[in-house]
Protein backbone atom coordinates (compact mmCIF):
# COMPACT_ATOMS: atom_id res chain seq x y z
CA UNK A 1 101.04 214.19 -85.37
CA UNK A 2 98.36 216.45 -84.04
CA UNK A 3 99.50 219.72 -83.01
CA UNK A 4 97.71 218.55 -79.17
CA UNK A 5 99.29 214.87 -79.48
CA UNK A 6 102.96 216.66 -79.73
CA UNK A 7 102.42 218.64 -76.91
CA UNK A 8 101.59 215.61 -74.69
CA UNK A 9 104.95 214.47 -75.62
CA UNK A 10 107.25 217.39 -75.52
CA UNK A 11 107.43 216.59 -71.28
CA UNK A 12 108.46 213.19 -72.13
CA UNK A 13 111.16 214.29 -75.16
CA UNK A 14 112.48 216.30 -72.27
CA UNK A 15 112.95 213.61 -69.64
CA UNK A 16 114.37 211.54 -72.61
CA UNK A 17 117.12 214.10 -72.73
CA UNK A 18 118.23 214.14 -69.42
CA UNK A 19 118.09 209.79 -69.94
CA UNK A 20 121.16 210.20 -72.51
CA UNK A 21 122.68 213.11 -70.80
CA UNK A 22 122.88 211.30 -67.42
CA UNK A 23 123.96 207.51 -69.25
CA UNK A 24 121.21 205.68 -66.78
CA UNK A 25 117.74 205.44 -65.85
CA UNK A 26 119.42 205.76 -62.22
CA UNK A 27 121.55 208.71 -62.92
CA UNK A 28 118.19 210.72 -64.44
CA UNK A 29 115.86 209.70 -61.88
CA UNK A 30 117.88 210.83 -59.06
CA UNK A 31 118.04 214.21 -60.60
CA UNK A 32 114.10 214.54 -61.16
CA UNK A 33 113.41 212.64 -57.43
CA UNK A 34 112.11 209.59 -59.05
CA UNK A 35 113.03 205.93 -59.77
CA UNK A 36 114.22 204.31 -62.56
CA UNK A 37 111.43 202.03 -63.31
CA UNK A 38 108.97 205.35 -63.54
CA UNK A 39 111.34 206.49 -65.86
CA UNK A 40 111.52 203.55 -67.71
CA UNK A 41 107.53 203.23 -68.30
CA UNK A 42 107.90 206.77 -69.66
CA UNK A 43 111.00 205.83 -72.50
CA UNK A 44 108.81 202.72 -73.08
CA UNK A 45 105.39 205.32 -73.95
CA UNK A 46 107.43 207.43 -75.58
CA UNK A 47 108.64 204.68 -77.56
CA UNK A 48 104.87 203.33 -78.22
CA UNK A 49 104.12 206.88 -79.20
CA UNK A 50 106.78 207.63 -81.64
CA UNK A 51 106.77 204.18 -83.16
CA UNK A 52 110.78 203.71 -83.12
CA UNK A 53 113.35 201.87 -80.13
CA UNK A 54 115.06 204.39 -78.47
CA UNK A 55 117.58 202.52 -76.70
CA UNK A 56 118.83 198.58 -76.40
CA UNK A 57 119.05 198.00 -73.01
CA UNK A 58 120.74 195.07 -71.19
CA UNK A 59 121.04 194.33 -67.34
CA UNK A 60 124.18 196.87 -67.19
CA UNK A 61 124.20 199.26 -69.78
CA UNK A 62 121.72 201.76 -71.55
CA UNK A 63 122.94 202.40 -75.57
CA UNK A 64 121.01 204.69 -77.99
CA UNK A 65 119.96 203.66 -80.80
CA UNK A 66 120.73 204.95 -84.15
CA UNK A 67 117.52 206.52 -84.50
CA UNK A 68 116.92 207.46 -80.85
CA UNK A 69 120.37 209.59 -81.41
CA UNK A 70 118.60 211.42 -83.86
CA UNK A 71 115.33 212.18 -81.90
CA UNK A 72 117.65 213.47 -79.19
CA UNK A 73 119.52 215.91 -81.88
CA UNK A 74 116.08 217.26 -82.59
CA UNK A 75 114.77 217.17 -78.54
CA UNK A 76 118.09 218.82 -77.68
CA UNK A 77 117.53 221.67 -80.03
CA UNK A 78 113.44 221.95 -78.93
CA UNK A 79 114.33 222.04 -75.47
CA UNK A 80 116.99 224.80 -76.20
CA UNK A 81 114.10 226.88 -78.12
CA UNK A 82 112.59 226.65 -75.18
CA UNK A 83 115.33 228.59 -73.11
CA UNK A 84 115.94 230.62 -75.02
CA UNK A 85 112.27 231.75 -75.14
CA UNK A 86 112.24 232.31 -71.20
CA UNK A 87 115.93 233.77 -71.42
CA UNK A 88 114.56 236.46 -74.05
CA UNK A 89 111.45 237.28 -71.65
CA UNK A 90 113.98 237.84 -69.16
CA UNK A 91 117.00 239.54 -70.91
CA UNK A 92 116.07 242.84 -70.36
CA UNK A 93 116.55 242.39 -66.87
CA UNK A 94 118.39 239.55 -65.93
CA UNK A 95 122.40 239.70 -65.14
CA UNK A 96 124.56 236.90 -66.93
CA UNK A 97 123.79 233.42 -65.25
CA UNK A 98 123.56 230.27 -65.82
CA UNK A 99 125.95 227.37 -67.11
CA UNK A 100 128.49 227.64 -70.45
CA UNK A 101 130.17 224.77 -72.22
CA UNK A 102 133.05 225.80 -73.92
CA UNK A 103 135.09 223.73 -76.22
CA UNK A 104 138.82 224.03 -77.72
CA UNK A 105 142.10 221.90 -78.46
CA UNK A 106 144.12 221.20 -75.81
CA UNK A 107 146.97 223.32 -76.75
CA UNK A 108 144.55 226.64 -77.68
CA UNK A 109 143.06 225.76 -74.09
CA UNK A 110 146.01 225.79 -72.30
CA UNK A 111 148.31 228.59 -73.97
CA UNK A 112 145.96 230.78 -74.90
CA UNK A 113 142.85 231.06 -72.77
CA UNK A 114 143.67 230.00 -69.72
CA UNK A 115 144.79 233.25 -68.78
CA UNK A 116 141.20 234.77 -69.67
CA UNK A 117 139.17 232.50 -67.58
CA UNK A 118 139.69 233.66 -64.23
CA UNK A 119 138.88 237.73 -65.24
CA UNK A 120 136.09 236.61 -67.16
CA UNK A 121 134.62 234.76 -64.07
CA UNK A 122 135.21 237.41 -61.57
CA UNK A 123 133.31 239.85 -64.16
CA UNK A 124 130.81 237.54 -64.21
CA UNK A 125 130.37 236.02 -60.97
CA UNK A 126 127.03 234.27 -61.51
CA UNK A 127 127.98 232.15 -64.45
CA UNK A 128 129.51 228.65 -64.33
CA UNK A 129 132.11 228.05 -66.91
CA UNK A 130 132.69 224.01 -68.34
CA UNK A 131 136.00 224.13 -70.41
CA UNK A 132 136.30 220.42 -72.07
CA UNK A 133 139.60 220.40 -73.74
CA UNK A 134 138.87 218.63 -76.83
CA UNK A 135 141.51 217.76 -80.18
CA UNK A 136 138.73 215.87 -82.11
CA UNK A 137 135.49 217.06 -83.95
CA UNK A 138 132.90 217.79 -81.74
CA UNK A 139 128.93 218.04 -82.24
CA UNK A 140 127.61 221.09 -80.29
CA UNK A 141 123.83 219.58 -80.13
CA UNK A 142 125.16 216.10 -79.35
CA UNK A 143 128.21 217.16 -76.59
CA UNK A 144 125.93 219.85 -75.30
CA UNK A 145 128.45 222.53 -75.90
CA UNK A 146 127.78 226.38 -76.19
CA UNK A 147 131.28 227.28 -78.04
CA UNK A 148 133.70 225.79 -80.11
CA UNK A 149 137.14 226.82 -80.45
CA UNK A 150 138.94 225.60 -83.31
CA UNK A 151 141.90 225.26 -85.44
CA UNK A 152 140.86 224.43 -88.69
CA UNK A 153 140.74 225.72 -92.20
CA UNK A 154 137.34 223.69 -92.73
CA UNK A 155 135.08 225.35 -90.44
CA UNK A 156 131.22 223.49 -89.67
CA UNK A 157 129.25 225.76 -92.08
CA UNK A 158 126.32 224.73 -90.16
CA UNK A 159 127.54 226.99 -87.40
CA UNK A 160 128.06 230.74 -86.75
CA UNK A 161 131.74 231.79 -87.47
CA UNK A 162 133.72 234.30 -85.75
CA UNK A 163 137.64 234.32 -86.93
CA UNK A 164 140.02 235.19 -84.40
CA UNK A 165 143.58 234.85 -86.16
CA UNK A 166 145.54 232.24 -88.92
CA UNK A 167 147.75 230.12 -86.85
CA UNK A 168 150.96 228.14 -88.56
CA UNK A 169 152.48 225.28 -87.12
CA UNK A 170 156.24 225.40 -86.49
CA UNK A 171 158.97 222.95 -86.20
CA UNK A 172 161.63 223.79 -82.86
CA UNK A 173 164.45 222.65 -81.29
CA UNK A 174 166.84 223.44 -77.97
CA UNK A 175 169.91 225.55 -79.01
CA UNK A 176 171.70 222.91 -76.73
CA UNK A 177 170.40 219.83 -78.84
CA UNK A 178 171.30 221.69 -82.30
CA UNK A 179 174.72 222.22 -80.92
CA UNK A 180 175.20 218.22 -80.13
CA UNK A 181 172.82 216.97 -83.41
CA UNK A 182 173.01 219.38 -85.97
CA UNK A 183 170.10 221.44 -87.47
CA UNK A 184 168.57 219.81 -90.18
CA UNK A 185 168.24 221.39 -93.98
CA UNK A 186 165.90 219.59 -95.30
CA UNK A 187 163.00 217.30 -94.05
CA UNK A 188 164.89 213.71 -94.88
CA UNK A 189 167.39 214.54 -92.50
CA UNK A 190 164.41 214.51 -89.61
CA UNK A 191 164.62 210.49 -89.81
CA UNK A 192 168.25 210.74 -88.28
CA UNK A 193 166.85 212.69 -85.52
CA UNK A 194 164.93 212.57 -81.89
CA UNK A 195 161.64 213.22 -82.66
CA UNK A 196 158.52 214.77 -80.12
CA UNK A 197 155.15 213.67 -81.63
CA UNK A 198 151.76 213.12 -80.42
CA UNK A 199 151.56 209.19 -80.44
CA UNK A 200 147.35 209.40 -80.74
CA UNK A 201 147.57 207.49 -83.92
CA UNK A 202 149.79 205.26 -85.61
CA UNK A 203 150.73 208.15 -88.64
CA UNK A 204 151.20 210.05 -85.41
CA UNK A 205 155.02 210.07 -86.03
CA UNK A 206 154.71 210.55 -90.00
CA UNK A 207 155.29 214.45 -91.10
CA UNK A 208 154.36 216.24 -94.14
CA UNK A 209 156.02 219.05 -95.66
CA UNK A 210 155.11 221.28 -98.28
CA UNK A 211 157.44 223.65 -100.14
CA UNK A 212 156.28 225.24 -103.35
CA UNK A 213 154.92 222.31 -105.59
CA UNK A 214 157.32 219.32 -103.54
CA UNK A 215 155.06 217.58 -101.30
CA UNK A 216 158.18 215.45 -98.69
CA UNK A 217 157.06 213.16 -96.05
CA UNK A 218 159.34 211.35 -93.64
CA UNK A 219 158.47 209.00 -90.60
CA UNK A 220 159.79 210.06 -87.36
CA UNK A 221 161.33 208.58 -84.41
CA UNK A 222 162.39 209.39 -80.88
CA UNK A 223 162.42 208.41 -77.15
CA UNK A 224 159.40 210.67 -75.80
CA UNK A 225 156.09 211.46 -77.63
CA UNK A 226 152.78 212.77 -75.66
CA UNK A 227 149.61 214.63 -77.10
CA UNK A 228 150.31 217.45 -74.20
CA UNK A 229 151.60 220.37 -75.87
CA UNK A 230 153.07 221.72 -73.36
CA UNK A 231 155.13 218.97 -71.59
CA UNK A 232 156.22 218.47 -74.94
CA UNK A 233 157.36 221.91 -75.33
CA UNK A 234 159.22 220.97 -71.52
CA UNK A 235 161.27 218.15 -73.44
CA UNK A 236 162.39 219.80 -76.71
CA UNK A 237 163.68 222.91 -74.04
CA UNK A 238 165.22 220.21 -72.16
CA UNK A 239 167.14 219.12 -75.36
CA UNK A 240 165.20 215.49 -75.94
CA UNK A 241 164.87 216.43 -79.77
CA UNK A 242 162.66 218.22 -82.39
CA UNK A 243 158.91 218.89 -81.75
CA UNK A 244 155.76 220.14 -83.99
CA UNK A 245 153.90 223.30 -82.31
CA UNK A 246 151.23 225.77 -83.08
CA UNK A 247 153.06 229.38 -83.26
CA UNK A 248 150.90 230.38 -80.09
CA UNK A 249 152.01 227.57 -78.17
CA UNK A 250 156.15 228.80 -78.80
CA UNK A 251 155.64 232.02 -79.36
CA UNK A 252 157.41 233.29 -75.89
CA UNK A 253 159.68 230.01 -76.34
CA UNK A 254 161.02 231.03 -79.63
CA UNK A 255 161.54 235.53 -78.45
CA UNK A 256 163.21 233.93 -75.46
CA UNK A 257 165.80 231.91 -77.46
CA UNK A 258 165.11 228.91 -75.36
CA UNK A 259 163.74 227.19 -78.55
CA UNK A 260 165.23 227.83 -82.23
CA UNK A 261 162.79 227.42 -85.64
CA UNK A 262 163.43 225.48 -88.12
CA UNK A 263 163.23 224.34 -91.54
CA UNK A 264 161.42 227.47 -91.83
CA UNK A 265 160.94 227.30 -95.91
CA UNK A 266 158.87 224.18 -95.24
CA UNK A 267 155.43 224.35 -94.46
CA UNK A 268 153.49 221.75 -92.17
CA UNK A 269 150.37 219.53 -92.95
CA UNK A 270 148.04 218.45 -90.27
CA UNK A 271 144.80 218.33 -88.98
CA UNK A 272 145.00 221.41 -87.22
CA UNK A 273 146.01 224.40 -89.11
CA UNK A 274 144.80 227.04 -91.18
CA UNK A 275 142.40 229.40 -88.29
CA UNK A 276 141.47 230.17 -85.38
CA UNK A 277 137.82 230.27 -85.11
CA UNK A 278 134.92 230.36 -82.77
CA UNK A 279 131.85 228.43 -83.35
CA UNK A 280 128.56 228.61 -81.68
CA UNK A 281 124.87 227.70 -82.99
CA UNK A 282 122.66 230.03 -85.17
CA UNK A 283 119.92 231.54 -82.30
CA UNK A 284 117.96 234.64 -83.22
CA UNK A 285 117.71 234.82 -79.12
CA UNK A 286 121.25 235.01 -78.59
CA UNK A 287 121.23 234.08 -74.20
CA UNK A 288 122.90 237.01 -72.19
CA UNK A 289 125.87 234.52 -70.70
CA UNK A 290 126.97 233.18 -74.14
CA UNK A 291 126.80 236.98 -75.77
CA UNK A 292 129.01 237.86 -72.91
CA UNK A 293 131.45 235.17 -73.44
CA UNK A 294 131.70 235.76 -76.91
CA UNK A 295 132.16 239.08 -76.97
CA UNK A 296 134.81 239.19 -73.91
CA UNK A 297 136.79 236.76 -75.50
CA UNK A 298 136.70 238.30 -78.87
CA UNK A 299 138.60 241.33 -77.36
CA UNK A 300 140.65 239.65 -75.46
CA UNK A 301 142.20 237.38 -78.21
CA UNK A 302 141.94 240.43 -80.26
CA UNK A 303 144.61 242.12 -77.91
CA UNK A 304 146.47 239.19 -77.99
CA UNK A 305 147.00 238.19 -81.76
CA UNK A 306 147.41 242.07 -82.75
């Protein structure tokens, strides 16, 4: 494709991005002060120019095709690069401003990041911060995320990595519960106890423990299961049973004696263990708002974990 033809397609690709993000021609048209029919014709023109089908259209829904998703991801990179070019030209005289979207696992967001959010917004009043609690895998480009906090031992190699600290999973119960039911000395005894588990998937009640070369899995059960760490911790504090938590979630509760760590010699296997990392896309010219957020959070988290 010639450079002249490519330049003529750039505005249409920018509109295509907005349609994908808004989910419909109608919503995108409102943002652009245009009509849905005009945007539909624009997409038809773009599909013809690219010789691909970008959407599957029905009277009720607009679904992006597999090829359309690939075009979208590359178009987002293009628009981001254009945005960075504008920001580079303004960086020397610009205060940190604009929108930042940040994702983090629910437990980390609530227990660790939450106290730093308001001070950050107070320090940078021109930044709009959008926080998403995401426990699963995220795609920064597809999901329009600027920074992702992850609890993992397998960070995304395509992204810049800033490691905050290591994190472990711990097994806890309240003193009251252990007085009533006894303290388990081996993971196999957990099958005879009330346990609070995530209840997100069918295998969330299958807990796996590792000690030296020994691996032991046990199927647990209990009357209370939920995927909110703080509510689950409150249940454990109230004596409803035994639960698994990241160390940063139960640190204060352990120190105060509200819960007691059990089965300490055993390491708990999970998809969410390893290191707490902050990841973001590689770029030569980082937006000011992104740089100040990364520096602010890195500094506060260093204080929190040292």
